Amino acid sequence: MGTISKGDTMQIEQEITDDMIQTIANNAVREAQQKSLDNGIPNVYCKNGVMYYQLPDGTITMQDPFAVGELKERLDRLIAEQG
């Protein structure tokens, strides 16, 4: 095999486009979101200053699931462990 010159390396680096980086980032975010849902943790979104929660069952709600119930208990335990 031949050697790769510095010019060849720069050409390879230039072929990594902004679209490729965006695609990689989008895929990573989708994977992280799915892992959260798989672990029973809602995904949280904000649009125009309004918070929306995607629950593991797919429901979208504006009610904070961390304010009551099992998720609040889990969050409180995590906070207590950190403090």
PDB file of N, CA and C in Angstrom:
ATOM      1  N   MET A   1       0.847  -1.186   0.000  1.00  0.00           N
ATOM      2  CA  MET A   1       0.000   0.000   0.000  1.00  0.00           C
ATOM      3  C   MET A   1       0.883   1.235   0.000  1.00  0.00           C
ATOM      4  N   GLY A   2       0.415   2.287  -0.635  1.00  0.00           N
ATOM      5  CA  GLY A   2       1.157   3.534  -0.677  1.00  0.00           C
ATOM      6  C   GLY A   2       0.945   4.343   0.585  1.00  0.00           C
ATOM      7  N   THR A   3       1.692   5.391   0.696  1.00  0.00           N
ATOM      8  CA  THR A   3       1.556   6.273   1.843  1.00  0.00           C
ATOM      9  C   THR A   3       0.562   7.375   1.524  1.00  0.00           C
ATOM     10  N   ILE A   4       0.004   7.951   2.558  1.00  0.00           N
ATOM     11  CA  ILE A   4      -0.951   9.051   2.389  1.00  0.00           C
ATOM     12  C   ILE A   4      -0.215  10.346   2.684  1.00  0.00           C
ATOM     13  N   SER A   5      -0.254  11.246   1.744  1.00  0.00           N
ATOM     14  CA  SER A   5       0.427  12.527   1.927  1.00  0.00           C
ATOM     15  C   SER A   5      -0.459  13.467   2.728  1.00  0.00           C
ATOM     16  N   LYS A   6       0.152  14.552   3.206  1.00  0.00           N
ATOM     17  CA  LYS A   6      -0.594  15.541   3.980  1.00  0.00           C
ATOM     18  C   LYS A   6      -1.735  16.120   3.141  1.00  0.00           C
ATOM     19  N   GLY A   7      -1.501  16.331   1.868  1.00  0.00           N
ATOM     20  CA  GLY A   7      -2.546  16.846   0.987  1.00  0.00           C
ATOM     21  C   GLY A   7      -3.721  15.897   0.885  1.00  0.00           C
ATOM     22  N   ASP A   8      -3.436  14.589   0.831  1.00  0.00           N
ATOM     23  CA  ASP A   8      -4.510  13.591   0.774  1.00  0.00           C
ATOM     24  C   ASP A   8      -5.330  13.618   2.056  1.00  0.00           C
ATOM     25  N   THR A   9      -4.659  13.750   3.191  1.00  0.00           N
ATOM     26  CA  THR A   9      -5.350  13.792   4.478  1.00  0.00           C
ATOM     27  C   THR A   9      -6.283  14.983   4.540  1.00  0.00           C
ATOM     28  N   MET A  10      -5.834  16.124   4.087  1.00  0.00           N
ATOM     29  CA  MET A  10      -6.671  17.324   4.113  1.00  0.00           C
ATOM     30  C   MET A  10      -7.886  17.140   3.201  1.00  0.00           C
ATOM     31  N   GLN A  11      -7.703  16.486   2.062  1.00  0.00           N
ATOM     32  CA  GLN A  11      -8.819  16.248   1.155  1.00  0.00           C
ATOM     33  C   GLN A  11      -9.860  15.355   1.819  1.00  0.00           C
ATOM     34  N   ILE A  12      -9.400  14.324   2.512  1.00  0.00           N
ATOM     35  CA  ILE A  12     -10.319  13.425   3.220  1.00  0.00           C
ATOM     36  C   ILE A  12     -11.069  14.198   4.290  1.00  0.00           C
ATOM     37  N   GLU A  13     -10.376  15.032   5.050  1.00  0.00           N
ATOM     38  CA  GLU A  13     -11.014  15.819   6.099  1.00  0.00           C
ATOM     39  C   GLU A  13     -12.046  16.767   5.519  1.00  0.00           C
ATOM     40  N   GLN A  14     -11.794  17.329   4.360  1.00  0.00           N
ATOM     41  CA  GLN A  14     -12.714  18.272   3.747  1.00  0.00           C
ATOM     42  C   GLN A  14     -13.973  17.593   3.238  1.00  0.00           C
ATOM     43  N   GLU A  15     -13.927  16.301   3.032  1.00  0.00           N
ATOM     44  CA  GLU A  15     -15.099  15.589   2.543  1.00  0.00           C
ATOM     45  C   GLU A  15     -16.141  15.355   3.630  1.00  0.00           C
ATOM     46  N   ILE A  16     -15.789  15.595   4.872  1.00  0.00           N
ATOM     47  CA  ILE A  16     -16.754  15.500   5.965  1.00  0.00           C
ATOM     48  C   ILE A  16     -17.540  16.805   5.960  1.00  0.00           C
ATOM     49  N   THR A  17     -18.771  16.732   5.520  1.00  0.00           N
ATOM     50  CA  THR A  17     -19.570  17.941   5.333  1.00  0.00           C
ATOM     51  C   THR A  17     -20.410  18.267   6.568  1.00  0.00           C
ATOM     52  N   ASP A  18     -20.925  19.478   6.561  1.00  0.00           N
ATOM     53  CA  ASP A  18     -21.830  19.877   7.634  1.00  0.00           C
ATOM     54  C   ASP A  18     -23.053  18.968   7.685  1.00  0.00           C
ATOM     55  N   ASP A  19     -23.536  18.543   6.518  1.00  0.00           N
ATOM     56  CA  ASP A  19     -24.696  17.641   6.473  1.00  0.00           C
ATOM     57  C   ASP A  19     -24.377  16.307   7.144  1.00  0.00           C
ATOM     58  N   MET A  20     -23.162  15.817   6.953  1.00  0.00           N
ATOM     59  CA  MET A  20     -22.764  14.551   7.582  1.00  0.00           C
ATOM     60  C   MET A  20     -22.734  14.702   9.095  1.00  0.00           C
ATOM     61  N   ILE A  21     -22.177  15.807   9.554  1.00  0.00           N
ATOM     62  CA  ILE A  21     -22.107  16.060  11.002  1.00  0.00           C
ATOM     63  C   ILE A  21     -23.514  16.177  11.574  1.00  0.00           C
ATOM     64  N   GLN A  22     -24.393  16.886  10.861  1.00  0.00           N
ATOM     65  CA  GLN A  22     -25.781  17.043  11.316  1.00  0.00           C
ATOM     66  C   GLN A  22     -26.484  15.692  11.382  1.00  0.00           C
ATOM     67  N   THR A  23     -26.260  14.848  10.394  1.00  0.00           N
ATOM     68  CA  THR A  23     -26.871  13.517  10.373  1.00  0.00           C
ATOM     69  C   THR A  23     -26.397  12.682  11.552  1.00  0.00           C
ATOM     70  N   ILE A  24     -25.106  12.715  11.818  1.00  0.00           N
ATOM     71  CA  ILE A  24     -24.551  11.968  12.958  1.00  0.00           C
ATOM     72  C   ILE A  24     -25.163  12.470  14.255  1.00  0.00           C
ATOM     73  N   ALA A  25     -25.244  13.797  14.411  1.00  0.00           N
ATOM     74  CA  ALA A  25     -25.807  14.381  15.631  1.00  0.00           C
ATOM     75  C   ALA A  25     -27.286  14.020  15.776  1.00  0.00           C
ATOM     76  N   ASN A  26     -28.043  14.109  14.688  1.00  0.00           N
ATOM     77  CA  ASN A  26     -29.471  13.767  14.749  1.00  0.00           C
ATOM     78  C   ASN A  26     -29.677  12.315  15.154  1.00  0.00           C
ATOM     79  N   ASN A  27     -28.881  11.435  14.593  1.00  0.00           N
ATOM     80  CA  ASN A  27     -28.986  10.014  14.945  1.00  0.00           C
ATOM     81  C   ASN A  27     -28.654   9.780  16.408  1.00  0.00           C
ATOM     82  N   ALA A  28     -27.649  10.472  16.915  1.00  0.00           N
ATOM     83  CA  ALA A  28     -27.268  10.334  18.326  1.00  0.00           C
ATOM     84  C   ALA A  28     -28.387  10.817  19.240  1.00  0.00           C
ATOM     85  N   VAL A  29     -29.018  11.917  18.873  1.00  0.00           N
ATOM     86  CA  VAL A  29     -30.124  12.444  19.681  1.00  0.00           C
ATOM     87  C   VAL A  29     -31.295  11.464  19.681  1.00  0.00           C
ATOM     88  N   ARG A  30     -31.662  10.952  18.506  1.00  0.00           N
ATOM     89  CA  ARG A  30     -32.772   9.987  18.437  1.00  0.00           C
ATOM     90  C   ARG A  30     -32.473   8.738  19.269  1.00  0.00           C
ATOM     91  N   GLU A  31     -31.228   8.286  19.226  1.00  0.00           N
ATOM     92  CA  GLU A  31     -30.848   7.113  20.016  1.00  0.00           C
ATOM     93  C   GLU A  31     -30.964   7.407  21.512  1.00  0.00           C
ATOM     94  N   ALA A  32     -30.496   8.572  21.929  1.00  0.00           N
ATOM     95  CA  ALA A  32     -30.580   8.946  23.345  1.00  0.00           C
ATOM     96  C   ALA A  32     -32.039   9.093  23.788  1.00  0.00           C
ATOM     97  N   GLN A  33     -32.866   9.677  22.931  1.00  0.00           N
ATOM     98  CA  GLN A  33     -34.281   9.824  23.258  1.00  0.00           C
ATOM     99  C   GLN A  33     -34.942   8.452  23.434  1.00  0.00           C
ATOM    100  N   GLN A  34     -34.630   7.527  22.552  1.00  0.00           N
ATOM    101  CA  GLN A  34     -35.216   6.188  22.645  1.00  0.00           C
ATOM    102  C   GLN A  34     -34.749   5.472  23.897  1.00  0.00           C
ATOM    103  N   LYS A  35     -33.463   5.626  24.239  1.00  0.00           N
ATOM    104  CA  LYS A  35     -32.946   5.002  25.466  1.00  0.00           C
ATOM    105  C   LYS A  35     -33.672   5.552  26.686  1.00  0.00           C
ATOM    106  N   SER A  36     -33.927   6.862  26.707  1.00  0.00           N
ATOM    107  CA  SER A  36     -34.665   7.453  27.829  1.00  0.00           C
ATOM    108  C   SER A  36     -36.046   6.825  27.948  1.00  0.00           C
ATOM    109  N   LEU A  37     -36.756   6.770  26.829  1.00  0.00           N
ATOM    110  CA  LEU A  37     -38.102   6.194  26.855  1.00  0.00           C
ATOM    111  C   LEU A  37     -38.067   4.732  27.273  1.00  0.00           C
ATOM    112  N   ASP A  38     -37.080   3.993  26.779  1.00  0.00           N
ATOM    113  CA  ASP A  38     -36.946   2.580  27.152  1.00  0.00           C
ATOM    114  C   ASP A  38     -36.704   2.411  28.650  1.00  0.00           C
ATOM    115  N   ASN A  39     -36.099   3.415  29.282  1.00  0.00           N
ATOM    116  CA  ASN A  39     -35.826   3.377  30.723  1.00  0.00           C
ATOM    117  C   ASN A  39     -36.909   4.059  31.550  1.00  0.00           C
ATOM    118  N   GLY A  40     -38.029   4.388  30.898  1.00  0.00           N
ATOM    119  CA  GLY A  40     -39.158   4.979  31.614  1.00  0.00           C
ATOM    120  C   GLY A  40     -39.023   6.459  31.888  1.00  0.00           C
ATOM    121  N   ILE A  41     -38.102   7.124  31.218  1.00  0.00           N
ATOM    122  CA  ILE A  41     -37.874   8.553  31.431  1.00  0.00           C
ATOM    123  C   ILE A  41     -38.461   9.329  30.252  1.00  0.00           C
ATOM    124  N   PRO A  42     -39.325  10.303  30.522  1.00  0.00           N
ATOM    125  CA  PRO A  42     -39.909  11.083  29.436  1.00  0.00           C
ATOM    126  C   PRO A  42     -38.863  11.961  28.740  1.00  0.00           C
ATOM    127  N   ASN A  43     -39.109  12.232  27.475  1.00  0.00           N
ATOM    128  CA  ASN A  43     -38.329  13.239  26.763  1.00  0.00           C
ATOM    129  C   ASN A  43     -39.014  14.574  26.984  1.00  0.00           C
ATOM    130  N   VAL A  44     -38.228  15.625  27.150  1.00  0.00           N
ATOM    131  CA  VAL A  44     -38.762  16.952  27.435  1.00  0.00           C
ATOM    132  C   VAL A  44     -38.388  17.880  26.287  1.00  0.00           C
ATOM    133  N   TYR A  45     -39.373  18.610  25.803  1.00  0.00           N
ATOM    134  CA  TYR A  45     -39.168  19.550  24.709  1.00  0.00           C
ATOM    135  C   TYR A  45     -39.738  20.902  25.119  1.00  0.00           C
ATOM    136  N   CYS A  46     -39.200  21.948  24.540  1.00  0.00           N
ATOM    137  CA  CYS A  46     -39.721  23.296  24.774  1.00  0.00           C
ATOM    138  C   CYS A  46     -39.950  23.955  23.425  1.00  0.00           C
ATOM    139  N   LYS A  47     -41.164  24.438  23.215  1.00  0.00           N
ATOM    140  CA  LYS A  47     -41.495  25.148  21.976  1.00  0.00           C
ATOM    141  C   LYS A  47     -42.218  26.430  22.350  1.00  0.00           C
ATOM    142  N   ASN A  48     -41.666  27.542  21.914  1.00  0.00           N
ATOM    143  CA  ASN A  48     -42.239  28.860  22.222  1.00  0.00           C
ATOM    144  C   ASN A  48     -42.434  29.054  23.717  1.00  0.00           C
ATOM    145  N   GLY A  49     -41.484  28.556  24.501  1.00  0.00           N
ATOM    146  CA  GLY A  49     -41.522  28.727  25.947  1.00  0.00           C
ATOM    147  C   GLY A  49     -42.454  27.775  26.677  1.00  0.00           C
ATOM    148  N   VAL A  50     -43.080  26.852  25.970  1.00  0.00           N
ATOM    149  CA  VAL A  50     -43.995  25.883  26.583  1.00  0.00           C
ATOM    150  C   VAL A  50     -43.295  24.531  26.642  1.00  0.00           C
ATOM    151  N   MET A  51     -43.326  23.911  27.820  1.00  0.00           N
ATOM    152  CA  MET A  51     -42.707  22.605  28.008  1.00  0.00           C
ATOM    153  C   MET A  51     -43.686  21.499  27.614  1.00  0.00           C
ATOM    154  N   TYR A  52     -43.175  20.542  26.863  1.00  0.00           N
ATOM    155  CA  TYR A  52     -43.938  19.366  26.455  1.00  0.00           C
ATOM    156  C   TYR A  52     -43.161  18.126  26.883  1.00  0.00           C
ATOM    157  N   TYR A  53     -43.873  17.100  27.300  1.00  0.00           N
ATOM    158  CA  TYR A  53     -43.264  15.861  27.764  1.00  0.00           C
ATOM    159  C   TYR A  53     -43.773  14.715  26.908  1.00  0.00           C
ATOM    160  N   GLN A  54     -42.850  13.944  26.363  1.00  0.00           N
ATOM    161  CA  GLN A  54     -43.208  12.732  25.627  1.00  0.00           C
ATOM    162  C   GLN A  54     -43.016  11.568  26.582  1.00  0.00           C
ATOM    163  N   LEU A  55     -44.098  10.937  26.953  1.00  0.00           N
ATOM    164  CA  LEU A  55     -44.048   9.839  27.909  1.00  0.00           C
ATOM    165  C   LEU A  55     -43.640   8.548  27.208  1.00  0.00           C
ATOM    166  N   PRO A  56     -43.151   7.577  27.968  1.00  0.00           N
ATOM    167  CA  PRO A  56     -42.720   6.311  27.367  1.00  0.00           C
ATOM    168  C   PRO A  56     -43.793   5.596  26.551  1.00  0.00           C
ATOM    169  N   ASP A  57     -45.066   5.846  26.846  1.00  0.00           N
ATOM    170  CA  ASP A  57     -46.137   5.207  26.067  1.00  0.00           C
ATOM    171  C   ASP A  57     -46.457   5.977  24.783  1.00  0.00           C
ATOM    172  N   GLY A  58     -45.739   7.080  24.534  1.00  0.00           N
ATOM    173  CA  GLY A  58     -45.928   7.869  23.326  1.00  0.00           C
ATOM    174  C   GLY A  58     -46.806   9.089  23.503  1.00  0.00           C
ATOM    175  N   THR A  59     -47.468   9.190  24.642  1.00  0.00           N
ATOM    176  CA  THR A  59     -48.334  10.331  24.930  1.00  0.00           C
ATOM    177  C   THR A  59     -47.505  11.610  25.023  1.00  0.00           C
ATOM    178  N   ILE A  60     -48.038  12.697  24.454  1.00  0.00           N
ATOM    179  CA  ILE A  60     -47.438  14.015  24.593  1.00  0.00           C
ATOM    180  C   ILE A  60     -48.337  14.812  25.528  1.00  0.00           C
ATOM    181  N   THR A  61     -47.754  15.421  26.560  1.00  0.00           N
ATOM    182  CA  THR A  61     -48.534  16.172  27.534  1.00  0.00           C
ATOM    183  C   THR A  61     -47.767  17.418  27.960  1.00  0.00           C
ATOM    184  N   MET A  62     -48.505  18.372  28.494  1.00  0.00           N
ATOM    185  CA  MET A  62     -47.865  19.563  29.064  1.00  0.00           C
ATOM    186  C   MET A  62     -47.783  19.434  30.583  1.00  0.00           C
ATOM    187  N   GLN A  63     -48.354  18.378  31.147  1.00  0.00           N
ATOM    188  CA  GLN A  63     -48.291  18.164  32.592  1.00  0.00           C
ATOM    189  C   GLN A  63     -46.934  17.568  32.949  1.00  0.00           C
ATOM    190  N   ASP A  64     -46.255  18.157  33.900  1.00  0.00           N
ATOM    191  CA  ASP A  64     -44.917  17.730  34.303  1.00  0.00           C
ATOM    192  C   ASP A  64     -44.988  16.389  35.031  1.00  0.00           C
ATOM    193  N   PRO A  65     -44.512  15.315  34.402  1.00  0.00           N
ATOM    194  CA  PRO A  65     -44.569  14.002  35.055  1.00  0.00           C
ATOM    195  C   PRO A  65     -43.578  13.863  36.206  1.00  0.00           C
ATOM    196  N   PHE A  66     -42.669  14.820  36.327  1.00  0.00           N
ATOM    197  CA  PHE A  66     -41.709  14.791  37.431  1.00  0.00           C
ATOM    198  C   PHE A  66     -42.270  15.469  38.681  1.00  0.00           C
ATOM    199  N   ALA A  67     -43.469  16.065  38.576  1.00  0.00           N
ATOM    200  CA  ALA A  67     -44.050  16.793  39.699  1.00  0.00           C
ATOM    201  C   ALA A  67     -44.833  15.882  40.646  1.00  0.00           C
ATOM    202  N   VAL A  68     -45.270  14.721  40.169  1.00  0.00           N
ATOM    203  CA  VAL A  68     -46.074  13.807  40.995  1.00  0.00           C
ATOM    204  C   VAL A  68     -45.760  12.369  40.625  1.00  0.00           C
ATOM    205  N   GLY A  69     -46.128  11.467  41.488  1.00  0.00           N
ATOM    206  CA  GLY A  69     -46.064  10.044  41.174  1.00  0.00           C
ATOM    207  C   GLY A  69     -44.671   9.435  41.200  1.00  0.00           C
ATOM    208  N   GLU A  70     -44.547   8.333  40.469  1.00  0.00           N
ATOM    209  CA  GLU A  70     -43.320   7.534  40.482  1.00  0.00           C
ATOM    210  C   GLU A  70     -42.103   8.319  40.014  1.00  0.00           C
ATOM    211  N   LEU A  71     -42.260   9.117  38.962  1.00  0.00           N
ATOM    212  CA  LEU A  71     -41.105   9.873  38.472  1.00  0.00           C
ATOM    213  C   LEU A  71     -40.636  10.905  39.483  1.00  0.00           C
ATOM    214  N   LYS A  72     -41.569  11.526  40.210  1.00  0.00           N
ATOM    215  CA  LYS A  72     -41.173  12.473  41.262  1.00  0.00           C
ATOM    216  C   LYS A  72     -40.398  11.743  42.355  1.00  0.00           C
ATOM    217  N   GLU A  73     -40.875  10.562  42.727  1.00  0.00           N
ATOM    218  CA  GLU A  73     -40.186   9.781  43.757  1.00  0.00           C
ATOM    219  C   GLU A  73     -38.774   9.409  43.296  1.00  0.00           C
ATOM    220  N   ARG A  74     -38.654   8.970  42.050  1.00  0.00           N
ATOM    221  CA  ARG A  74     -37.332   8.611  41.507  1.00  0.00           C
ATOM    222  C   ARG A  74     -36.416   9.822  41.463  1.00  0.00           C
ATOM    223  N   LEU A  75     -36.955  10.960  41.037  1.00  0.00           N
ATOM    224  CA  LEU A  75     -36.163  12.192  40.965  1.00  0.00           C
ATOM    225  C   LEU A  75     -35.731  12.631  42.359  1.00  0.00           C
ATOM    226  N   ASP A  76     -36.643  12.573  43.319  1.00  0.00           N
ATOM    227  CA  ASP A  76     -36.303  12.943  44.694  1.00  0.00           C
ATOM    228  C   ASP A  76     -35.203  12.060  45.254  1.00  0.00           C
ATOM    229  N   ARG A  77     -35.262  10.748  44.965  1.00  0.00           N
ATOM    230  CA  ARG A  77     -34.204   9.840  45.447  1.00  0.00           C
ATOM    231  C   ARG A  77     -32.867  10.194  44.824  1.00  0.00           C
ATOM    232  N   LEU A  78     -32.864  10.472  43.523  1.00  0.00           N
ATOM    233  CA  LEU A  78     -31.612  10.842  42.851  1.00  0.00           C
ATOM    234  C   LEU A  78     -31.024  12.112  43.413  1.00  0.00           C
ATOM    235  N   ILE A  79     -31.870  13.090  43.672  1.00  0.00           N
ATOM    236  CA  ILE A  79     -31.409  14.361  44.237  1.00  0.00           C
ATOM    237  C   ILE A  79     -30.847  14.126  45.631  1.00  0.00           C
ATOM    238  N   ALA A  80     -31.512  13.303  46.432  1.00  0.00           N
ATOM    239  CA  ALA A  80     -31.052  13.023  47.787  1.00  0.00           C
ATOM    240  C   ALA A  80     -29.693  12.311  47.765  1.00  0.00           C
ATOM    241  N   GLU A  81     -29.511  11.408  46.806  1.00  0.00           N
ATOM    242  CA  GLU A  81     -28.227  10.690  46.688  1.00  0.00           C
ATOM    243  C   GLU A  81     -27.100  11.641  46.318  1.00  0.00           C
ATOM    244  N   GLN A  82     -27.400  12.664  45.542  1.00  0.00           N
ATOM    245  CA  GLN A  82     -26.391  13.624  45.106  1.00  0.00           C
ATOM    246  C   GLN A  82     -26.037  14.611  46.215  1.00  0.00           C
ATOM    247  N   GLY A  83     -26.999  14.889  47.084  1.00  0.00           N
ATOM    248  CA  GLY A  83     -26.811  15.920  48.101  1.00  0.00           C
ATOM    249  C   GLY A  83     -26.161  15.415  49.307  1.00  0.00           C
TER     250      GLY A  83
END
